[in-house]
Amino acid sequence: MELPTPQDLRERRTTLELTQSELADAADVSQPLIARIEGGDVDPRLSTLRRIVNALQEAEGRVVRASDLMNETVISVAPDDAVRGAVELMEEEAYSQLPVLQNGVPVGSISQGDVVHAGENVGDHPVSEVMSESFPTVAPSATVDEVRNLLDHYKAVMVTDGGETVGIITEADIAAHLS
């Protein structure tokens, strides 16, 4: 990722016909900070720079959000479901892992690897006995960069709104969007 220079930020802002105050409001920073960054007087923290770049992308209409990427149909199992049923569902859907939801709230995940590591004769056991940690969650407004960072470490990202699962995103969804 190449970081924009102060001149890059000023050029993008002026091209979009935004004032420093408008950009500051959109990025949730102060106008004097924008002026000092554009003037090269201050090196912003990465989190501040990310908010400014996201605000510029939003103004350009280029920001892709989790809600744009997610699959609204979430194939999942419950913690009380039998492991055998989870395995059958993974095979039917051609998935290697599934989220575990309890009343719409992510509580874990189960993968083929979890089942293999659990040993023999676990088919009748509840999913809760062999499941792993839940996939991370993001809000529908999360940016594609935030989702991509999580997907570097996890197989999927759950999209939740008010604690309730509204979608799921995998690397395949990111790839499909980019193509």
C-alpha atoms as a PDB file:
ATOM      1  CA  MET A   1       0.000   0.000   0.000  1.00  0.00           C
ATOM      2  CA  GLU A   2       1.473   3.324  -1.044  1.00  0.00           C
ATOM      3  CA  LEU A   3       0.707   6.178   1.317  1.00  0.00           C
ATOM      4  CA  PRO A   4      -0.407   9.492  -0.189  1.00  0.00           C
ATOM      5  CA  THR A   5       1.844  12.521   0.195  1.00  0.00           C
ATOM      6  CA  PRO A   6       0.540  15.805   1.618  1.00  0.00           C
ATOM      7  CA  GLN A   7       0.426  17.122  -1.962  1.00  0.00           C
ATOM      8  CA  ASP A   8      -1.619  14.073  -3.060  1.00  0.00           C
ATOM      9  CA  LEU A   9      -4.152  14.729  -0.315  1.00  0.00           C
ATOM     10  CA  ARG A  10      -4.457  18.427  -1.233  1.00  0.00           C
ATOM     11  CA  GLU A  11      -4.866  17.616  -4.942  1.00  0.00           C
ATOM     12  CA  ARG A  12      -7.547  14.992  -4.313  1.00  0.00           C
ATOM     13  CA  ARG A  13      -9.416  17.336  -1.959  1.00  0.00           C
ATOM     14  CA  THR A  14      -9.344  20.281  -4.367  1.00  0.00           C
ATOM     15  CA  THR A  15     -10.270  18.074  -7.339  1.00  0.00           C
ATOM     16  CA  LEU A  16     -13.343  16.998  -5.373  1.00  0.00           C
ATOM     17  CA  GLU A  17     -14.046  20.666  -4.585  1.00  0.00           C
ATOM     18  CA  LEU A  18     -13.982  19.980  -0.856  1.00  0.00           C
ATOM     19  CA  THR A  19     -12.877  22.581   1.662  1.00  0.00           C
ATOM     20  CA  GLN A  20     -10.499  21.599   4.428  1.00  0.00           C
ATOM     21  CA  SER A  21     -13.405  21.942   6.860  1.00  0.00           C
ATOM     22  CA  GLU A  22     -15.626  19.617   4.811  1.00  0.00           C
ATOM     23  CA  LEU A  23     -12.868  16.999   4.598  1.00  0.00           C
ATOM     24  CA  ALA A  24     -12.171  17.375   8.322  1.00  0.00           C
ATOM     25  CA  ASP A  25     -15.853  16.832   9.146  1.00  0.00           C
ATOM     26  CA  ALA A  26     -16.033  13.753   6.897  1.00  0.00           C
ATOM     27  CA  ALA A  27     -12.845  12.284   8.397  1.00  0.00           C
ATOM     28  CA  ASP A  28     -13.762  13.249  11.975  1.00  0.00           C
ATOM     29  CA  VAL A  29     -10.607  15.325  12.484  1.00  0.00           C
ATOM     30  CA  SER A  30     -10.035  19.059  12.962  1.00  0.00           C
ATOM     31  CA  GLN A  31      -9.641  21.514  10.081  1.00  0.00           C
ATOM     32  CA  PRO A  32      -6.297  22.810  11.463  1.00  0.00           C
ATOM     33  CA  LEU A  33      -4.990  19.225  11.396  1.00  0.00           C
ATOM     34  CA  ILE A  34      -5.937  18.903   7.705  1.00  0.00           C
ATOM     35  CA  ALA A  35      -4.142  22.197   7.021  1.00  0.00           C
ATOM     36  CA  ARG A  36      -1.026  21.070   8.879  1.00  0.00           C
ATOM     37  CA  ILE A  37      -0.989  17.671   7.128  1.00  0.00           C
ATOM     38  CA  GLU A  38      -1.419  19.251   3.693  1.00  0.00           C
ATOM     39  CA  GLY A  39       1.313  21.761   4.539  1.00  0.00           C
ATOM     40  CA  GLY A  40       3.691  18.958   5.468  1.00  0.00           C
ATOM     41  CA  ASP A  41       4.044  20.275   9.026  1.00  0.00           C
ATOM     42  CA  VAL A  42       2.659  17.099  10.635  1.00  0.00           C
ATOM     43  CA  ASP A  43       3.044  13.378   9.988  1.00  0.00           C
ATOM     44  CA  PRO A  44      -0.374  11.938  10.859  1.00  0.00           C
ATOM     45  CA  ARG A  45      -0.869   8.612  12.580  1.00  0.00           C
ATOM     46  CA  LEU A  46      -1.811   5.809  10.221  1.00  0.00           C
ATOM     47  CA  SER A  47      -5.323   5.624  11.678  1.00  0.00           C
ATOM     48  CA  THR A  48      -5.833   9.356  11.009  1.00  0.00           C
ATOM     49  CA  LEU A  49      -4.490   9.049   7.473  1.00  0.00           C
ATOM     50  CA  ARG A  50      -6.796   6.072   6.864  1.00  0.00           C
ATOM     51  CA  ARG A  51      -9.829   8.126   7.976  1.00  0.00           C
ATOM     52  CA  ILE A  52      -8.830  10.985   5.662  1.00  0.00           C
ATOM     53  CA  VAL A  53      -8.282   8.653   2.689  1.00  0.00           C
ATOM     54  CA  ASN A  54     -11.605   6.882   3.398  1.00  0.00           C
ATOM     55  CA  ALA A  55     -13.373  10.266   3.508  1.00  0.00           C
ATOM     56  CA  LEU A  56     -11.828  11.185   0.139  1.00  0.00           C
ATOM     57  CA  GLN A  57     -12.820   7.833  -1.348  1.00  0.00           C
ATOM     58  CA  GLU A  58     -16.337   8.274   0.028  1.00  0.00           C
ATOM     59  CA  ALA A  59     -16.515  11.672  -1.677  1.00  0.00           C
ATOM     60  CA  GLU A  60     -15.338  10.046  -4.911  1.00  0.00           C
ATOM     61  CA  GLY A  61     -18.001   7.370  -4.550  1.00  0.00           C
ATOM     62  CA  ARG A  62     -15.337   4.669  -4.496  1.00  0.00           C
ATOM     63  CA  VAL A  63     -15.711   3.205  -1.032  1.00  0.00           C
ATOM     64  CA  VAL A  64     -16.817  -0.414  -1.042  1.00  0.00           C
ATOM     65  CA  ARG A  65     -18.556  -1.443   2.163  1.00  0.00           C
ATOM     66  CA  ALA A  66     -19.145  -4.818   3.768  1.00  0.00           C
ATOM     67  CA  SER A  67     -22.815  -4.495   2.837  1.00  0.00           C
ATOM     68  CA  ASP A  68     -21.757  -4.379  -0.850  1.00  0.00           C
ATOM     69  CA  LEU A  69     -19.719  -7.585  -0.563  1.00  0.00           C
ATOM     70  CA  MET A  70     -21.643  -9.808   1.834  1.00  0.00           C
ATOM     71  CA  ASN A  71     -23.784 -12.824   1.116  1.00  0.00           C
ATOM     72  CA  GLU A  72     -27.056 -12.229   2.900  1.00  0.00           C
ATOM     73  CA  THR A  73     -27.856 -15.942   2.959  1.00  0.00           C
ATOM     74  CA  VAL A  74     -25.752 -17.355   5.772  1.00  0.00           C
ATOM     75  CA  ILE A  75     -25.505 -21.141   5.836  1.00  0.00           C
ATOM     76  CA  SER A  76     -24.875 -22.000   9.479  1.00  0.00           C
ATOM     77  CA  VAL A  77     -25.388 -24.509  12.263  1.00  0.00           C
ATOM     78  CA  ALA A  78     -26.415 -24.109  15.902  1.00  0.00           C
ATOM     79  CA  PRO A  79     -24.285 -25.128  18.895  1.00  0.00           C
ATOM     80  CA  ASP A  80     -26.778 -27.875  19.794  1.00  0.00           C
ATOM     81  CA  ASP A  81     -26.815 -29.407  16.288  1.00  0.00           C
ATOM     82  CA  ALA A  82     -25.103 -32.763  15.860  1.00  0.00           C
ATOM     83  CA  VAL A  83     -21.620 -32.720  14.365  1.00  0.00           C
ATOM     84  CA  ARG A  84     -22.831 -35.248  11.776  1.00  0.00           C
ATOM     85  CA  GLY A  85     -25.411 -32.740  10.515  1.00  0.00           C
ATOM     86  CA  ALA A  86     -22.787 -30.005  10.290  1.00  0.00           C
ATOM     87  CA  VAL A  87     -20.513 -32.263   8.237  1.00  0.00           C
ATOM     88  CA  GLU A  88     -23.378 -33.196   5.911  1.00  0.00           C
ATOM     89  CA  LEU A  89     -24.269 -29.527   5.455  1.00  0.00           C
ATOM     90  CA  MET A  90     -20.637 -28.647   4.653  1.00  0.00           C
ATOM     91  CA  GLU A  91     -20.568 -31.427   2.058  1.00  0.00           C
ATOM     92  CA  GLU A  92     -23.917 -30.378   0.525  1.00  0.00           C
ATOM     93  CA  GLU A  93     -22.867 -26.737   0.255  1.00  0.00           C
ATOM     94  CA  ALA A  94     -19.232 -27.514  -0.685  1.00  0.00           C
ATOM     95  CA  TYR A  95     -17.921 -25.433   2.239  1.00  0.00           C
ATOM     96  CA  SER A  96     -14.954 -26.356   4.395  1.00  0.00           C
ATOM     97  CA  GLN A  97     -16.276 -24.415   7.393  1.00  0.00           C
ATOM     98  CA  LEU A  98     -19.495 -22.938   8.725  1.00  0.00           C
ATOM     99  CA  PRO A  99     -20.375 -20.272  11.270  1.00  0.00           C
ATOM    100  CA  VAL A 100     -22.117 -21.420  14.428  1.00  0.00           C
ATOM    101  CA  LEU A 101     -25.024 -19.121  15.286  1.00  0.00           C
ATOM    102  CA  GLN A 102     -27.231 -19.077  18.352  1.00  0.00           C
ATOM    103  CA  ASN A 103     -30.389 -17.027  17.805  1.00  0.00           C
ATOM    104  CA  GLY A 104     -28.648 -15.152  14.975  1.00  0.00           C
ATOM    105  CA  VAL A 105     -25.565 -14.285  17.044  1.00  0.00           C
ATOM    106  CA  PRO A 106     -22.143 -15.727  16.059  1.00  0.00           C
ATOM    107  CA  VAL A 107     -20.819 -17.979  18.840  1.00  0.00           C
ATOM    108  CA  GLY A 108     -18.227 -20.079  16.986  1.00  0.00           C
ATOM    109  CA  SER A 109     -17.240 -21.803  13.785  1.00  0.00           C
ATOM    110  CA  ILE A 110     -16.817 -25.400  12.762  1.00  0.00           C
ATOM    111  CA  SER A 111     -14.529 -26.715  10.051  1.00  0.00           C
ATOM    112  CA  GLN A 112     -13.713 -30.084   8.587  1.00  0.00           C
ATOM    113  CA  GLY A 113     -10.379 -29.753  10.396  1.00  0.00           C
ATOM    114  CA  ASP A 114     -12.153 -29.300  13.741  1.00  0.00           C
ATOM    115  CA  VAL A 115     -14.055 -32.522  13.165  1.00  0.00           C
ATOM    116  CA  VAL A 116     -10.919 -34.452  12.164  1.00  0.00           C
ATOM    117  CA  HIS A 117      -9.022 -33.194  15.225  1.00  0.00           C
ATOM    118  CA  ALA A 118     -11.936 -34.109  17.512  1.00  0.00           C
ATOM    119  CA  GLY A 119     -11.321 -37.785  16.815  1.00  0.00           C
ATOM    120  CA  GLU A 120     -13.601 -40.668  15.999  1.00  0.00           C
ATOM    121  CA  ASN A 121     -17.238 -41.130  16.933  1.00  0.00           C
ATOM    122  CA  VAL A 122     -18.095 -37.441  17.377  1.00  0.00           C
ATOM    123  CA  GLY A 123     -20.974 -37.490  14.901  1.00  0.00           C
ATOM    124  CA  ASP A 124     -23.643 -37.534  17.612  1.00  0.00           C
ATOM    125  CA  HIS A 125     -21.899 -34.934  19.776  1.00  0.00           C
ATOM    126  CA  PRO A 126     -23.129 -31.335  19.723  1.00  0.00           C
ATOM    127  CA  VAL A 127     -21.255 -28.876  17.522  1.00  0.00           C
ATOM    128  CA  SER A 128     -20.395 -26.854  20.655  1.00  0.00           C
ATOM    129  CA  GLU A 129     -17.993 -29.640  21.742  1.00  0.00           C
ATOM    130  CA  VAL A 130     -15.811 -29.425  18.632  1.00  0.00           C
ATOM    131  CA  MET A 131     -16.290 -25.861  17.376  1.00  0.00           C
ATOM    132  CA  SER A 132     -13.561 -23.212  17.236  1.00  0.00           C
ATOM    133  CA  GLU A 133     -13.703 -19.488  17.896  1.00  0.00           C
ATOM    134  CA  SER A 134     -16.189 -17.386  15.991  1.00  0.00           C
ATOM    135  CA  PHE A 135     -15.238 -15.587  12.822  1.00  0.00           C
ATOM    136  CA  PRO A 136     -14.632 -11.871  13.468  1.00  0.00           C
ATOM    137  CA  THR A 137     -17.539  -9.492  13.012  1.00  0.00           C
ATOM    138  CA  VAL A 138     -17.849  -6.130  11.278  1.00  0.00           C
ATOM    139  CA  ALA A 139     -20.647  -3.647  10.765  1.00  0.00           C
ATOM    140  CA  PRO A 140     -22.274  -3.337   7.326  1.00  0.00           C
ATOM    141  CA  SER A 141     -20.476   0.018   6.994  1.00  0.00           C
ATOM    142  CA  ALA A 142     -16.972  -1.508   7.355  1.00  0.00           C
ATOM    143  CA  THR A 143     -14.696  -0.791   4.397  1.00  0.00           C
ATOM    144  CA  VAL A 144     -13.303  -3.418   2.067  1.00  0.00           C
ATOM    145  CA  ASP A 145      -9.822  -2.672   3.480  1.00  0.00           C
ATOM    146  CA  GLU A 146     -10.992  -3.508   6.998  1.00  0.00           C
ATOM    147  CA  VAL A 147     -12.585  -6.740   5.768  1.00  0.00           C
ATOM    148  CA  ARG A 148      -9.501  -7.652   3.710  1.00  0.00           C
ATOM    149  CA  ASN A 149      -7.246  -7.168   6.756  1.00  0.00           C
ATOM    150  CA  LEU A 150      -9.390  -9.597   8.755  1.00  0.00           C
ATOM    151  CA  LEU A 151      -9.453 -12.115   5.904  1.00  0.00           C
ATOM    152  CA  ASP A 152      -5.649 -12.191   6.054  1.00  0.00           C
ATOM    153  CA  HIS A 153      -6.070 -14.011   9.380  1.00  0.00           C
ATOM    154  CA  TYR A 154      -9.516 -15.668   9.231  1.00  0.00           C
ATOM    155  CA  LYS A 155     -11.423 -17.748   6.693  1.00  0.00           C
ATOM    156  CA  ALA A 156     -14.550 -15.570   6.864  1.00  0.00           C
ATOM    157  CA  VAL A 157     -15.938 -12.368   8.349  1.00  0.00           C
ATOM    158  CA  MET A 158     -19.447 -12.123   9.773  1.00  0.00           C
ATOM    159  CA  VAL A 159     -21.435  -8.945   9.128  1.00  0.00           C
ATOM    160  CA  THR A 160     -23.621  -8.022  12.094  1.00  0.00           C
ATOM    161  CA  ASP A 161     -26.050  -5.217  12.715  1.00  0.00           C
ATOM    162  CA  GLY A 162     -27.100  -4.686  16.313  1.00  0.00           C
ATOM    163  CA  GLY A 163     -25.520  -8.029  17.242  1.00  0.00           C
ATOM    164  CA  GLU A 164     -27.654  -9.908  14.701  1.00  0.00           C
ATOM    165  CA  THR A 165     -25.956 -11.660  11.770  1.00  0.00           C
ATOM    166  CA  VAL A 166     -26.935 -10.089   8.439  1.00  0.00           C
ATOM    167  CA  GLY A 167     -24.260 -11.546   6.148  1.00  0.00           C
ATOM    168  CA  ILE A 168     -20.946 -13.311   5.645  1.00  0.00           C
ATOM    169  CA  ILE A 169     -17.876 -12.444   3.541  1.00  0.00           C
ATOM    170  CA  THR A 170     -15.085 -14.760   2.354  1.00  0.00           C
ATOM    171  CA  GLU A 171     -12.038 -14.203   0.157  1.00  0.00           C
ATOM    172  CA  ALA A 172     -14.087 -15.511  -2.764  1.00  0.00           C
ATOM    173  CA  ASP A 173     -16.512 -12.601  -2.317  1.00  0.00           C
ATOM    174  CA  ILE A 174     -13.660 -10.081  -2.414  1.00  0.00           C
ATOM    175  CA  ALA A 175     -12.229 -11.739  -5.530  1.00  0.00           C
ATOM    176  CA  ALA A 176     -15.625 -11.767  -7.235  1.00  0.00           C
ATOM    177  CA  HIS A 177     -16.088  -8.083  -6.497  1.00  0.00           C
ATOM    178  CA  LEU A 178     -12.639  -7.182  -7.848  1.00  0.00           C
ATOM    179  CA  SER A 179     -13.217  -9.135 -11.045  1.00  0.00           C
END
